[in-house]
Amino acid sequence: MGDNASSAPPPPNVDPTAVKEVSKGVFVITDRRIPFVPNIGIILGEDAALVVDTGMGPANGAKVLDAARKIAGRRRLILTLTHFHPEHGYGAQVFKGIAEIRYNRAQRDELAAKGRTYLDMFKTFGPGLATALEGTEIVFPDEVYDGDSLTIDLGGQKVELRTWGKAHTGGDQIVCLPRERILFTGDLAEERMFPIFPWFPPNDTDIDAACWTKILSELESWKPAVVVPGHGDLGGPEILVAVRDYLLDVERRVFAERKSGKDADAIVASLAPKIRSEHADWSAPEWIDFAIRYYSSLQA
């Protein structure tokens, strides 16, 4: 996700020319810090290529598919998503029947339960997003995996898909290249952007921030050489640390405010401006309030 409707975000157009080869055979179509555009991966093996995320809507999906074909040549294509949110996966329809689509089961189930609702909601976020989502069809994977991981052999290049269950969403999935120590985090981590809290009670409350922080600590312990965040510039483990420390700090401060008897509205009014000023170079400040309200709902 990115900025909300009131900020009238620009069209969420993927630019397939904004591509970086971060390691031999590992490409990232960068988001250029455009709201609602994700960082997209194309990972080559000798036999197959894995595409990580599609961008929002069929036009963006088509651009990613074309880029993947040009990079992959005659290799067969596999598509996976970091999670079900529209800007990450609602271009998947153009891959159907061309690429093999693989998700984890929780991700597939969340897409089935919420996909249409999120499609309708994102269309209200401004004309650029509504246009990008025209003609979008919700499509489902060809295969799902159970358990916490799946290893895909692309031919001389093994890629691990890993999930821990509910965190930012119900089925977040990272994509890891163990040999190169490259990590695609999806929206478990953004770079210089306030973490996205899709906290929309009573309709959607599938967040577990305690699990989220544990995941980030585990990922840091892997000592990744390259972290590809869901949104923002590529970097290293400092991206993971910044997001984890932010989550823990907001939790601590909200619980302290609650002990003084404040309700969620009062805590937002007190804390949100301070948090914003402390992270002046971070984008998407609208998510501060959502994070505060999430932590206000928990038992301290």
C-alpha atoms as a PDB file:
ATOM      1  CA  MET A   1       0.000   0.000   0.000  1.00  0.00           C
ATOM      2  CA  GLY A   2       0.977   3.674  -0.066  1.00  0.00           C
ATOM      3  CA  ASP A   3      -0.601   7.066   0.474  1.00  0.00           C
ATOM      4  CA  ASN A   4      -4.331   7.250   1.118  1.00  0.00           C
ATOM      5  CA  ALA A   5      -7.111   8.722  -0.980  1.00  0.00           C
ATOM      6  CA  SER A   6      -6.878  12.249   0.427  1.00  0.00           C
ATOM      7  CA  SER A   7      -3.336  12.705  -0.915  1.00  0.00           C
ATOM      8  CA  ALA A   8      -4.389  11.981  -4.541  1.00  0.00           C
ATOM      9  CA  PRO A   9      -1.453   9.691  -5.359  1.00  0.00           C
ATOM     10  CA  PRO A  10      -0.002   9.659  -8.867  1.00  0.00           C
ATOM     11  CA  PRO A  11      -0.777   6.743 -11.200  1.00  0.00           C
ATOM     12  CA  PRO A  12       0.819   3.578  -9.786  1.00  0.00           C
ATOM     13  CA  ASN A  13       2.706   2.770 -12.970  1.00  0.00           C
ATOM     14  CA  VAL A  14       5.469   0.166 -12.973  1.00  0.00           C
ATOM     15  CA  ASP A  15       8.444   1.305 -15.057  1.00  0.00           C
ATOM     16  CA  PRO A  16      10.136  -1.824 -16.461  1.00  0.00           C
ATOM     17  CA  THR A  17      13.147   0.250 -17.523  1.00  0.00           C
ATOM     18  CA  ALA A  18      13.896   1.007 -13.840  1.00  0.00           C
ATOM     19  CA  VAL A  19      15.610  -2.342 -13.443  1.00  0.00           C
ATOM     20  CA  LYS A  20      18.734  -3.201 -11.480  1.00  0.00           C
ATOM     21  CA  GLU A  21      20.741  -6.415 -11.544  1.00  0.00           C
ATOM     22  CA  VAL A  22      21.616  -6.744  -7.854  1.00  0.00           C
ATOM     23  CA  SER A  23      23.480 -10.015  -8.327  1.00  0.00           C
ATOM     24  CA  LYS A  24      24.145 -12.240 -11.316  1.00  0.00           C
ATOM     25  CA  GLY A  25      20.721 -13.298 -12.600  1.00  0.00           C
ATOM     26  CA  VAL A  26      18.797 -11.407  -9.895  1.00  0.00           C
ATOM     27  CA  PHE A  27      16.908  -8.363 -11.134  1.00  0.00           C
ATOM     28  CA  VAL A  28      14.711  -5.805  -9.357  1.00  0.00           C
ATOM     29  CA  ILE A  29      12.268  -3.497 -11.105  1.00  0.00           C
ATOM     30  CA  THR A  30      12.472  -0.688  -8.582  1.00  0.00           C
ATOM     31  CA  ASP A  31       9.466   1.245  -7.343  1.00  0.00           C
ATOM     32  CA  ARG A  32      11.081   4.716  -7.850  1.00  0.00           C
ATOM     33  CA  ARG A  33       9.398   5.600  -4.526  1.00  0.00           C
ATOM     34  CA  ILE A  34       6.034   5.905  -6.301  1.00  0.00           C
ATOM     35  CA  PRO A  35       3.108   5.157  -3.942  1.00  0.00           C
ATOM     36  CA  PHE A  36       1.341   1.869  -4.620  1.00  0.00           C
ATOM     37  CA  VAL A  37       4.207   0.583  -6.783  1.00  0.00           C
ATOM     38  CA  PRO A  38       6.178  -2.317  -5.272  1.00  0.00           C
ATOM     39  CA  ASN A  39       9.709  -3.485  -5.849  1.00  0.00           C
ATOM     40  CA  ILE A  40       9.404  -6.450  -8.210  1.00  0.00           C
ATOM     41  CA  GLY A  41      11.856  -9.331  -8.543  1.00  0.00           C
ATOM     42  CA  ILE A  42      12.902 -11.487 -11.488  1.00  0.00           C
ATOM     43  CA  ILE A  43      15.240 -14.329 -10.492  1.00  0.00           C
ATOM     44  CA  LEU A  44      16.907 -16.521 -13.106  1.00  0.00           C
ATOM     45  CA  GLY A  45      18.010 -20.119 -12.986  1.00  0.00           C
ATOM     46  CA  GLU A  46      19.197 -22.251 -15.867  1.00  0.00           C
ATOM     47  CA  ASP A  47      15.733 -23.725 -16.447  1.00  0.00           C
ATOM     48  CA  ALA A  48      13.202 -21.283 -15.001  1.00  0.00           C
ATOM     49  CA  ALA A  49      12.690 -17.717 -13.835  1.00  0.00           C
ATOM     50  CA  LEU A  50      10.774 -16.667 -10.724  1.00  0.00           C
ATOM     51  CA  VAL A  51       8.811 -13.406 -10.756  1.00  0.00           C
ATOM     52  CA  VAL A  52       8.104 -11.838  -7.354  1.00  0.00           C
ATOM     53  CA  ASP A  53       5.005  -9.578  -7.399  1.00  0.00           C
ATOM     54  CA  THR A  54       3.259  -8.033 -10.406  1.00  0.00           C
ATOM     55  CA  GLY A  55       2.239  -4.462  -9.658  1.00  0.00           C
ATOM     56  CA  MET A  56      -1.350  -3.257  -9.613  1.00  0.00           C
ATOM     57  CA  GLY A  57      -3.800  -4.174 -12.365  1.00  0.00           C
ATOM     58  CA  PRO A  58      -3.540  -5.929 -15.735  1.00  0.00           C
ATOM     59  CA  ALA A  59      -1.622  -3.167 -17.543  1.00  0.00           C
ATOM     60  CA  ASN A  60       1.158  -3.238 -14.954  1.00  0.00           C
ATOM     61  CA  GLY A  61       1.071  -7.030 -14.891  1.00  0.00           C
ATOM     62  CA  ALA A  62       1.528  -7.075 -18.664  1.00  0.00           C
ATOM     63  CA  LYS A  63       4.572  -4.804 -18.394  1.00  0.00           C
ATOM     64  CA  VAL A  64       6.108  -7.067 -15.754  1.00  0.00           C
ATOM     65  CA  LEU A  65       5.351 -10.180 -17.810  1.00  0.00           C
ATOM     66  CA  ASP A  66       6.977  -8.612 -20.872  1.00  0.00           C
ATOM     67  CA  ALA A  67      10.048  -7.633 -18.840  1.00  0.00           C
ATOM     68  CA  ALA A  68      10.263 -11.130 -17.373  1.00  0.00           C
ATOM     69  CA  ARG A  69      10.069 -12.724 -20.832  1.00  0.00           C
ATOM     70  CA  LYS A  70      12.826 -10.471 -22.150  1.00  0.00           C
ATOM     71  CA  ILE A  71      15.099 -11.252 -19.208  1.00  0.00           C
ATOM     72  CA  ALA A  72      14.213 -14.949 -18.978  1.00  0.00           C
ATOM     73  CA  GLY A  73      14.373 -15.811 -22.658  1.00  0.00           C
ATOM     74  CA  ARG A  74      13.102 -19.349 -23.195  1.00  0.00           C
ATOM     75  CA  ARG A  75      13.062 -20.257 -19.520  1.00  0.00           C
ATOM     76  CA  ARG A  76       9.689 -21.240 -18.075  1.00  0.00           C
ATOM     77  CA  LEU A  77       8.130 -18.702 -15.730  1.00  0.00           C
ATOM     78  CA  ILE A  78       6.944 -19.064 -12.140  1.00  0.00           C
ATOM     79  CA  LEU A  79       5.073 -16.325 -10.288  1.00  0.00           C
ATOM     80  CA  THR A  80       4.768 -15.838  -6.563  1.00  0.00           C
ATOM     81  CA  LEU A  81       3.549 -12.927  -4.440  1.00  0.00           C
ATOM     82  CA  THR A  82       4.774 -11.559  -1.137  1.00  0.00           C
ATOM     83  CA  HIS A  83       1.134 -11.106  -0.010  1.00  0.00           C
ATOM     84  CA  PHE A  84      -2.345 -10.571  -1.406  1.00  0.00           C
ATOM     85  CA  HIS A  85      -2.584  -6.747  -1.400  1.00  0.00           C
ATOM     86  CA  PRO A  86      -3.576  -5.201  -4.757  1.00  0.00           C
ATOM     87  CA  GLU A  87      -0.396  -3.270  -5.522  1.00  0.00           C
ATOM     88  CA  HIS A  88       1.634  -6.451  -5.118  1.00  0.00           C
ATOM     89  CA  GLY A  89      -0.483  -9.038  -6.879  1.00  0.00           C
ATOM     90  CA  TYR A  90      -3.450  -7.689  -8.817  1.00  0.00           C
ATOM     91  CA  GLY A  91      -1.639  -8.037 -12.117  1.00  0.00           C
ATOM     92  CA  ALA A  92      -1.477 -11.817 -11.786  1.00  0.00           C
ATOM     93  CA  GLN A  93      -4.253 -12.443 -14.309  1.00  0.00           C
ATOM     94  CA  VAL A  94      -1.931 -11.838 -17.266  1.00  0.00           C
ATOM     95  CA  PHE A  95       0.386 -14.594 -15.969  1.00  0.00           C
ATOM     96  CA  LYS A  96      -2.411 -17.170 -15.729  1.00  0.00           C
ATOM     97  CA  GLY A  97      -1.812 -19.976 -18.195  1.00  0.00           C
ATOM     98  CA  ILE A  98       1.646 -18.616 -19.050  1.00  0.00           C
ATOM     99  CA  ALA A  99       3.468 -18.912 -15.738  1.00  0.00           C
ATOM    100  CA  GLU A 100       3.065 -21.418 -12.950  1.00  0.00           C
ATOM    101  CA  ILE A 101       1.573 -19.492 -10.008  1.00  0.00           C
ATOM    102  CA  ARG A 102       2.519 -20.589  -6.469  1.00  0.00           C
ATOM    103  CA  TYR A 103       1.364 -19.113  -3.138  1.00  0.00           C
ATOM    104  CA  ASN A 104       1.236 -20.367   0.422  1.00  0.00           C
ATOM    105  CA  ARG A 105      -2.162 -21.643   1.535  1.00  0.00           C
ATOM    106  CA  ALA A 106      -2.891 -18.811   3.987  1.00  0.00           C
ATOM    107  CA  GLN A 107      -2.137 -16.247   1.288  1.00  0.00           C
ATOM    108  CA  ARG A 108      -4.477 -17.993  -1.153  1.00  0.00           C
ATOM    109  CA  ASP A 109      -7.213 -18.229   1.469  1.00  0.00           C
ATOM    110  CA  GLU A 110      -6.885 -14.553   2.381  1.00  0.00           C
ATOM    111  CA  LEU A 111      -7.122 -13.593  -1.279  1.00  0.00           C
ATOM    112  CA  ALA A 112     -10.304 -15.650  -1.575  1.00  0.00           C
ATOM    113  CA  ALA A 113     -11.815 -14.055   1.532  1.00  0.00           C
ATOM    114  CA  LYS A 114     -10.778 -10.427   0.982  1.00  0.00           C
ATOM    115  CA  GLY A 115      -9.660 -10.019  -2.608  1.00  0.00           C
ATOM    116  CA  ARG A 116     -12.856  -8.503  -3.980  1.00  0.00           C
ATOM    117  CA  THR A 117     -13.246  -6.184  -0.978  1.00  0.00           C
ATOM    118  CA  TYR A 118      -9.710  -4.847  -1.370  1.00  0.00           C
ATOM    119  CA  LEU A 119     -10.219  -4.388  -5.100  1.00  0.00           C
ATOM    120  CA  ASP A 120     -13.299  -2.262  -4.477  1.00  0.00           C
ATOM    121  CA  MET A 121     -11.593  -0.334  -1.667  1.00  0.00           C
ATOM    122  CA  PHE A 122      -8.466   0.503  -3.682  1.00  0.00           C
ATOM    123  CA  LYS A 123     -10.602   1.861  -6.523  1.00  0.00           C
ATOM    124  CA  THR A 124     -11.730   4.616  -4.123  1.00  0.00           C
ATOM    125  CA  PHE A 125      -8.148   5.781  -3.488  1.00  0.00           C
ATOM    126  CA  GLY A 126      -8.021   8.148  -6.453  1.00  0.00           C
ATOM    127  CA  PRO A 127      -8.487   8.161 -10.223  1.00  0.00           C
ATOM    128  CA  GLY A 128      -4.992   6.842 -10.917  1.00  0.00           C
ATOM    129  CA  LEU A 129      -5.617   3.706  -8.905  1.00  0.00           C
ATOM    130  CA  ALA A 130      -9.136   3.263 -10.284  1.00  0.00           C
ATOM    131  CA  THR A 131      -7.744   3.386 -13.818  1.00  0.00           C
ATOM    132  CA  ALA A 132      -4.955   0.939 -13.008  1.00  0.00           C
ATOM    133  CA  LEU A 133      -7.481  -1.525 -11.602  1.00  0.00           C
ATOM    134  CA  GLU A 134      -9.863  -1.398 -14.563  1.00  0.00           C
ATOM    135  CA  GLY A 135     -10.480  -4.901 -15.853  1.00  0.00           C
ATOM    136  CA  THR A 136      -8.798  -6.564 -12.880  1.00  0.00           C
ATOM    137  CA  GLU A 137      -9.763 -10.166 -12.278  1.00  0.00           C
ATOM    138  CA  ILE A 138      -8.958 -12.038  -9.090  1.00  0.00           C
ATOM    139  CA  VAL A 139      -7.041 -15.178 -10.051  1.00  0.00           C
ATOM    140  CA  PHE A 140      -5.852 -17.993  -7.851  1.00  0.00           C
ATOM    141  CA  PRO A 141      -2.621 -19.988  -7.807  1.00  0.00           C
ATOM    142  CA  ASP A 142      -2.025 -23.188  -9.695  1.00  0.00           C
ATOM    143  CA  GLU A 143      -0.350 -24.653  -6.615  1.00  0.00           C
ATOM    144  CA  VAL A 144      -0.267 -23.872  -2.911  1.00  0.00           C
ATOM    145  CA  TYR A 145       2.156 -25.116  -0.322  1.00  0.00           C
ATOM    146  CA  ASP A 146       1.464 -26.011   3.291  1.00  0.00           C
ATOM    147  CA  GLY A 147       3.872 -25.570   6.153  1.00  0.00           C
ATOM    148  CA  ASP A 148       6.327 -22.743   6.620  1.00  0.00           C
ATOM    149  CA  SER A 149       8.522 -23.030   3.534  1.00  0.00           C
ATOM    150  CA  LEU A 150       8.944 -24.167  -0.036  1.00  0.00           C
ATOM    151  CA  THR A 151      12.196 -24.454  -1.961  1.00  0.00           C
ATOM    152  CA  ILE A 152      12.046 -23.898  -5.704  1.00  0.00           C
ATOM    153  CA  ASP A 153      14.924 -25.124  -7.854  1.00  0.00           C
ATOM    154  CA  LEU A 154      15.169 -22.874 -10.907  1.00  0.00           C
ATOM    155  CA  GLY A 155      18.129 -24.862 -12.210  1.00  0.00           C
ATOM    156  CA  GLY A 156      21.375 -24.086 -10.449  1.00  0.00           C
ATOM    157  CA  GLN A 157      19.567 -21.469  -8.374  1.00  0.00           C
ATOM    158  CA  LYS A 158      17.514 -22.416  -5.352  1.00  0.00           C
ATOM    159  CA  VAL A 159      14.993 -19.956  -3.966  1.00  0.00           C
ATOM    160  CA  GLU A 160      13.226 -20.339  -0.627  1.00  0.00           C
ATOM    161  CA  LEU A 161       9.696 -19.109  -0.010  1.00  0.00           C
ATOM    162  CA  ARG A 162       9.027 -18.716   3.707  1.00  0.00           C
ATOM    163  CA  THR A 163       5.995 -17.775   5.780  1.00  0.00           C
ATOM    164  CA  TRP A 164       5.395 -17.417   9.505  1.00  0.00           C
ATOM    165  CA  GLY A 165       1.634 -16.902   9.428  1.00  0.00           C
ATOM    166  CA  LYS A 166      -0.156 -13.736  10.392  1.00  0.00           C
ATOM    167  CA  ALA A 167       1.944 -10.563  10.696  1.00  0.00           C
ATOM    168  CA  HIS A 168       1.376  -7.630   8.310  1.00  0.00           C
ATOM    169  CA  THR A 169      -1.304  -9.829   6.671  1.00  0.00           C
ATOM    170  CA  GLY A 170      -2.500 -13.361   7.247  1.00  0.00           C
ATOM    171  CA  GLY A 171      -0.079 -14.928   4.782  1.00  0.00           C
ATOM    172  CA  ASP A 172       3.047 -12.794   4.383  1.00  0.00           C
ATOM    173  CA  GLN A 173       5.795 -14.517   2.433  1.00  0.00           C
ATOM    174  CA  ILE A 174       9.437 -13.640   2.015  1.00  0.00           C
ATOM    175  CA  VAL A 175      11.563 -14.782  -0.916  1.00  0.00           C
ATOM    176  CA  CYS A 176      15.152 -15.638  -0.068  1.00  0.00           C
ATOM    177  CA  LEU A 177      18.211 -16.578  -2.116  1.00  0.00           C
ATOM    178  CA  PRO A 178      20.344 -18.291   0.551  1.00  0.00           C
ATOM    179  CA  ARG A 179      23.551 -18.454  -1.473  1.00  0.00           C
ATOM    180  CA  GLU A 180      23.537 -14.766  -2.419  1.00  0.00           C
ATOM    181  CA  ARG A 181      21.890 -13.718   0.882  1.00  0.00           C
ATOM    182  CA  ILE A 182      19.281 -11.681  -0.980  1.00  0.00           C
ATOM    183  CA  LEU A 183      15.940 -11.151   0.690  1.00  0.00           C
ATOM    184  CA  PHE A 184      12.628  -9.900  -0.730  1.00  0.00           C
ATOM    185  CA  THR A 185      10.515  -8.878   2.271  1.00  0.00           C
ATOM    186  CA  GLY A 186       7.254  -7.638   0.790  1.00  0.00           C
ATOM    187  CA  ASP A 187       5.556  -5.235   3.187  1.00  0.00           C
ATOM    188  CA  LEU A 188       7.103  -6.759   6.274  1.00  0.00           C
ATOM    189  CA  ALA A 189       9.680  -4.027   5.680  1.00  0.00           C
ATOM    190  CA  GLU A 190       9.725  -0.767   3.786  1.00  0.00           C
ATOM    191  CA  GLU A 191      12.646   1.622   3.523  1.00  0.00           C
ATOM    192  CA  ARG A 192      12.093   5.106   5.044  1.00  0.00           C
ATOM    193  CA  MET A 193       8.351   4.553   5.019  1.00  0.00           C
ATOM    194  CA  PHE A 194       6.027   4.093   7.968  1.00  0.00           C
ATOM    195  CA  PRO A 195       5.009   0.434   8.233  1.00  0.00           C
ATOM    196  CA  ILE A 196       1.653  -0.314   6.649  1.00  0.00           C
ATOM    197  CA  PHE A 197      -0.958  -1.323   9.220  1.00  0.00           C
ATOM    198  CA  PRO A 198      -4.117  -2.503   7.409  1.00  0.00           C
ATOM    199  CA  TRP A 199      -6.062  -2.197  10.662  1.00  0.00           C
ATOM    200  CA  PHE A 200      -9.671  -1.743   9.558  1.00  0.00           C
ATOM    201  CA  PRO A 201     -11.957  -2.954  12.375  1.00  0.00           C
ATOM    202  CA  PRO A 202     -14.365  -4.617  12.294  1.00  0.00           C
ATOM    203  CA  ASN A 203     -13.829  -5.720   8.687  1.00  0.00           C
ATOM    204  CA  ASP A 204     -10.128  -6.572   8.719  1.00  0.00           C
ATOM    205  CA  THR A 205      -8.012  -6.976  11.824  1.00  0.00           C
ATOM    206  CA  ASP A 206      -5.639  -9.698  10.642  1.00  0.00           C
ATOM    207  CA  ILE A 207      -2.419  -8.212  11.992  1.00  0.00           C
ATOM    208  CA  ASP A 208      -0.025  -9.694  14.538  1.00  0.00           C
ATOM    209  CA  ALA A 209       2.668  -7.122  15.266  1.00  0.00           C
ATOM    210  CA  ALA A 210       4.380  -9.337  17.844  1.00  0.00           C
ATOM    211  CA  CYS A 211       4.940 -11.961  15.166  1.00  0.00           C
ATOM    212  CA  TRP A 212       5.951  -9.192  12.761  1.00  0.00           C
ATOM    213  CA  THR A 213       8.754  -7.984  15.038  1.00  0.00           C
ATOM    214  CA  LYS A 214       9.950 -11.561  15.647  1.00  0.00           C
ATOM    215  CA  ILE A 215      10.134 -12.164  11.906  1.00  0.00           C
ATOM    216  CA  LEU A 216      12.228  -9.041  11.408  1.00  0.00           C
ATOM    217  CA  SER A 217      14.620 -10.104  14.139  1.00  0.00           C
ATOM    218  CA  GLU A 218      14.969 -13.544  12.588  1.00  0.00           C
ATOM    219  CA  LEU A 219      15.557 -12.068   9.144  1.00  0.00           C
ATOM    220  CA  GLU A 220      18.229  -9.760  10.577  1.00  0.00           C
ATOM    221  CA  SER A 221      19.957 -12.817  12.076  1.00  0.00           C
ATOM    222  CA  TRP A 222      20.287 -14.244   8.566  1.00  0.00           C
ATOM    223  CA  LYS A 223      22.695 -11.372   7.839  1.00  0.00           C
ATOM    224  CA  PRO A 224      21.313 -10.597   4.377  1.00  0.00           C
ATOM    225  CA  ALA A 225      23.639  -8.848   1.943  1.00  0.00           C
ATOM    226  CA  VAL A 226      20.776  -7.232   0.035  1.00  0.00           C
ATOM    227  CA  VAL A 227      17.299  -6.447   1.374  1.00  0.00           C
ATOM    228  CA  VAL A 228      14.648  -5.684  -1.235  1.00  0.00           C
ATOM    229  CA  PRO A 229      11.842  -4.021   0.749  1.00  0.00           C
ATOM    230  CA  GLY A 230       8.229  -3.993  -0.359  1.00  0.00           C
ATOM    231  CA  HIS A 231       8.581  -0.276  -1.068  1.00  0.00           C
ATOM    232  CA  GLY A 232      11.554   2.077  -1.015  1.00  0.00           C
ATOM    233  CA  ASP A 233      15.240   1.844  -1.802  1.00  0.00           C
ATOM    234  CA  LEU A 234      17.231  -1.357  -1.629  1.00  0.00           C
ATOM    235  CA  GLY A 235      19.661  -1.733   1.239  1.00  0.00           C
ATOM    236  CA  GLY A 236      20.870  -4.125   3.893  1.00  0.00           C
ATOM    237  CA  PRO A 237      19.770  -5.378   7.315  1.00  0.00           C
ATOM    238  CA  GLU A 238      19.485  -1.803   8.581  1.00  0.00           C
ATOM    239  CA  ILE A 239      16.085  -1.696   6.838  1.00  0.00           C
ATOM    240  CA  LEU A 240      14.861  -4.604   8.949  1.00  0.00           C
ATOM    241  CA  VAL A 241      16.250  -3.089  12.138  1.00  0.00           C
ATOM    242  CA  ALA A 242      14.621   0.292  11.506  1.00  0.00           C
ATOM    243  CA  VAL A 243      11.166  -1.221  11.018  1.00  0.00           C
ATOM    244  CA  ARG A 244      11.464  -3.581  13.980  1.00  0.00           C
ATOM    245  CA  ASP A 245      12.653  -0.838  16.306  1.00  0.00           C
ATOM    246  CA  TYR A 246       9.844   1.449  15.139  1.00  0.00           C
ATOM    247  CA  LEU A 247       7.222  -1.208  15.889  1.00  0.00           C
ATOM    248  CA  LEU A 248       8.627  -1.887  19.332  1.00  0.00           C
ATOM    249  CA  ASP A 249       8.878   1.820  20.103  1.00  0.00           C
ATOM    250  CA  VAL A 250       5.271   2.541  19.118  1.00  0.00           C
ATOM    251  CA  GLU A 251       4.080  -0.429  21.164  1.00  0.00           C
ATOM    252  CA  ARG A 252       5.979   0.741  24.247  1.00  0.00           C
ATOM    253  CA  ARG A 253       4.762   4.316  23.993  1.00  0.00           C
ATOM    254  CA  VAL A 254       1.137   3.386  23.354  1.00  0.00           C
ATOM    255  CA  PHE A 255       1.070   1.064  26.339  1.00  0.00           C
ATOM    256  CA  ALA A 256       2.580   3.808  28.517  1.00  0.00           C
ATOM    257  CA  GLU A 257      -0.115   6.253  27.367  1.00  0.00           C
ATOM    258  CA  ARG A 258      -2.841   3.718  28.059  1.00  0.00           C
ATOM    259  CA  LYS A 259      -1.643   3.290  31.625  1.00  0.00           C
ATOM    260  CA  SER A 260      -2.330   6.995  32.125  1.00  0.00           C
ATOM    261  CA  GLY A 261      -5.967   6.391  31.175  1.00  0.00           C
ATOM    262  CA  LYS A 262      -5.999   7.770  27.628  1.00  0.00           C
ATOM    263  CA  ASP A 263      -8.198   6.279  24.933  1.00  0.00           C
ATOM    264  CA  ALA A 264      -7.096   5.633  21.352  1.00  0.00           C
ATOM    265  CA  ASP A 265      -8.152   9.073  20.092  1.00  0.00           C
ATOM    266  CA  ALA A 266      -6.214  10.835  22.820  1.00  0.00           C
ATOM    267  CA  ILE A 267      -3.147   8.686  22.225  1.00  0.00           C
ATOM    268  CA  VAL A 268      -3.230   9.433  18.506  1.00  0.00           C
ATOM    269  CA  ALA A 269      -3.475  13.152  19.237  1.00  0.00           C
ATOM    270  CA  SER A 270      -0.566  12.974  21.670  1.00  0.00           C
ATOM    271  CA  LEU A 271       1.817  10.563  19.955  1.00  0.00           C
ATOM    272  CA  ALA A 272       1.292  10.867  16.203  1.00  0.00           C
ATOM    273  CA  PRO A 273       2.830  14.349  15.790  1.00  0.00           C
ATOM    274  CA  LYS A 274       5.852  13.345  17.862  1.00  0.00           C
ATOM    275  CA  ILE A 275       6.409  10.159  15.887  1.00  0.00           C
ATOM    276  CA  ARG A 276       6.093  12.042  12.616  1.00  0.00           C
ATOM    277  CA  SER A 277       8.672  14.633  13.661  1.00  0.00           C
ATOM    278  CA  GLU A 278      11.084  11.924  14.806  1.00  0.00           C
ATOM    279  CA  HIS A 279      11.001  10.320  11.340  1.00  0.00           C
ATOM    280  CA  ALA A 280      10.876  13.412   9.166  1.00  0.00           C
ATOM    281  CA  ASP A 281      12.412  11.649   6.160  1.00  0.00           C
ATOM    282  CA  TRP A 282       9.893   8.761   6.178  1.00  0.00           C
ATOM    283  CA  SER A 283       6.939   8.732   3.784  1.00  0.00           C
ATOM    284  CA  ALA A 284       3.314   7.565   4.228  1.00  0.00           C
ATOM    285  CA  PRO A 285       2.698   9.156   7.666  1.00  0.00           C
ATOM    286  CA  GLU A 286      -0.999   8.263   7.448  1.00  0.00           C
ATOM    287  CA  TRP A 287      -0.053   4.799   8.733  1.00  0.00           C
ATOM    288  CA  ILE A 288       1.096   6.187  12.093  1.00  0.00           C
ATOM    289  CA  ASP A 289      -2.493   6.553  13.316  1.00  0.00           C
ATOM    290  CA  PHE A 290      -3.365   3.024  12.224  1.00  0.00           C
ATOM    291  CA  ALA A 291      -0.398   1.609  14.134  1.00  0.00           C
ATOM    292  CA  ILE A 292      -1.340   3.538  17.283  1.00  0.00           C
ATOM    293  CA  ARG A 293      -4.947   2.352  17.089  1.00  0.00           C
ATOM    294  CA  TYR A 294      -3.798  -1.228  16.574  1.00  0.00           C
ATOM    295  CA  TYR A 295      -1.593  -1.177  19.656  1.00  0.00           C
ATOM    296  CA  SER A 296      -4.319   0.638  21.615  1.00  0.00           C
ATOM    297  CA  SER A 297      -6.598  -2.342  20.965  1.00  0.00           C
ATOM    298  CA  LEU A 298      -4.230  -4.806  22.614  1.00  0.00           C
ATOM    299  CA  GLN A 299      -3.955  -5.847  26.204  1.00  0.00           C
ATOM    300  CA  ALA A 300      -0.819  -4.270  27.640  1.00  0.00           C
END
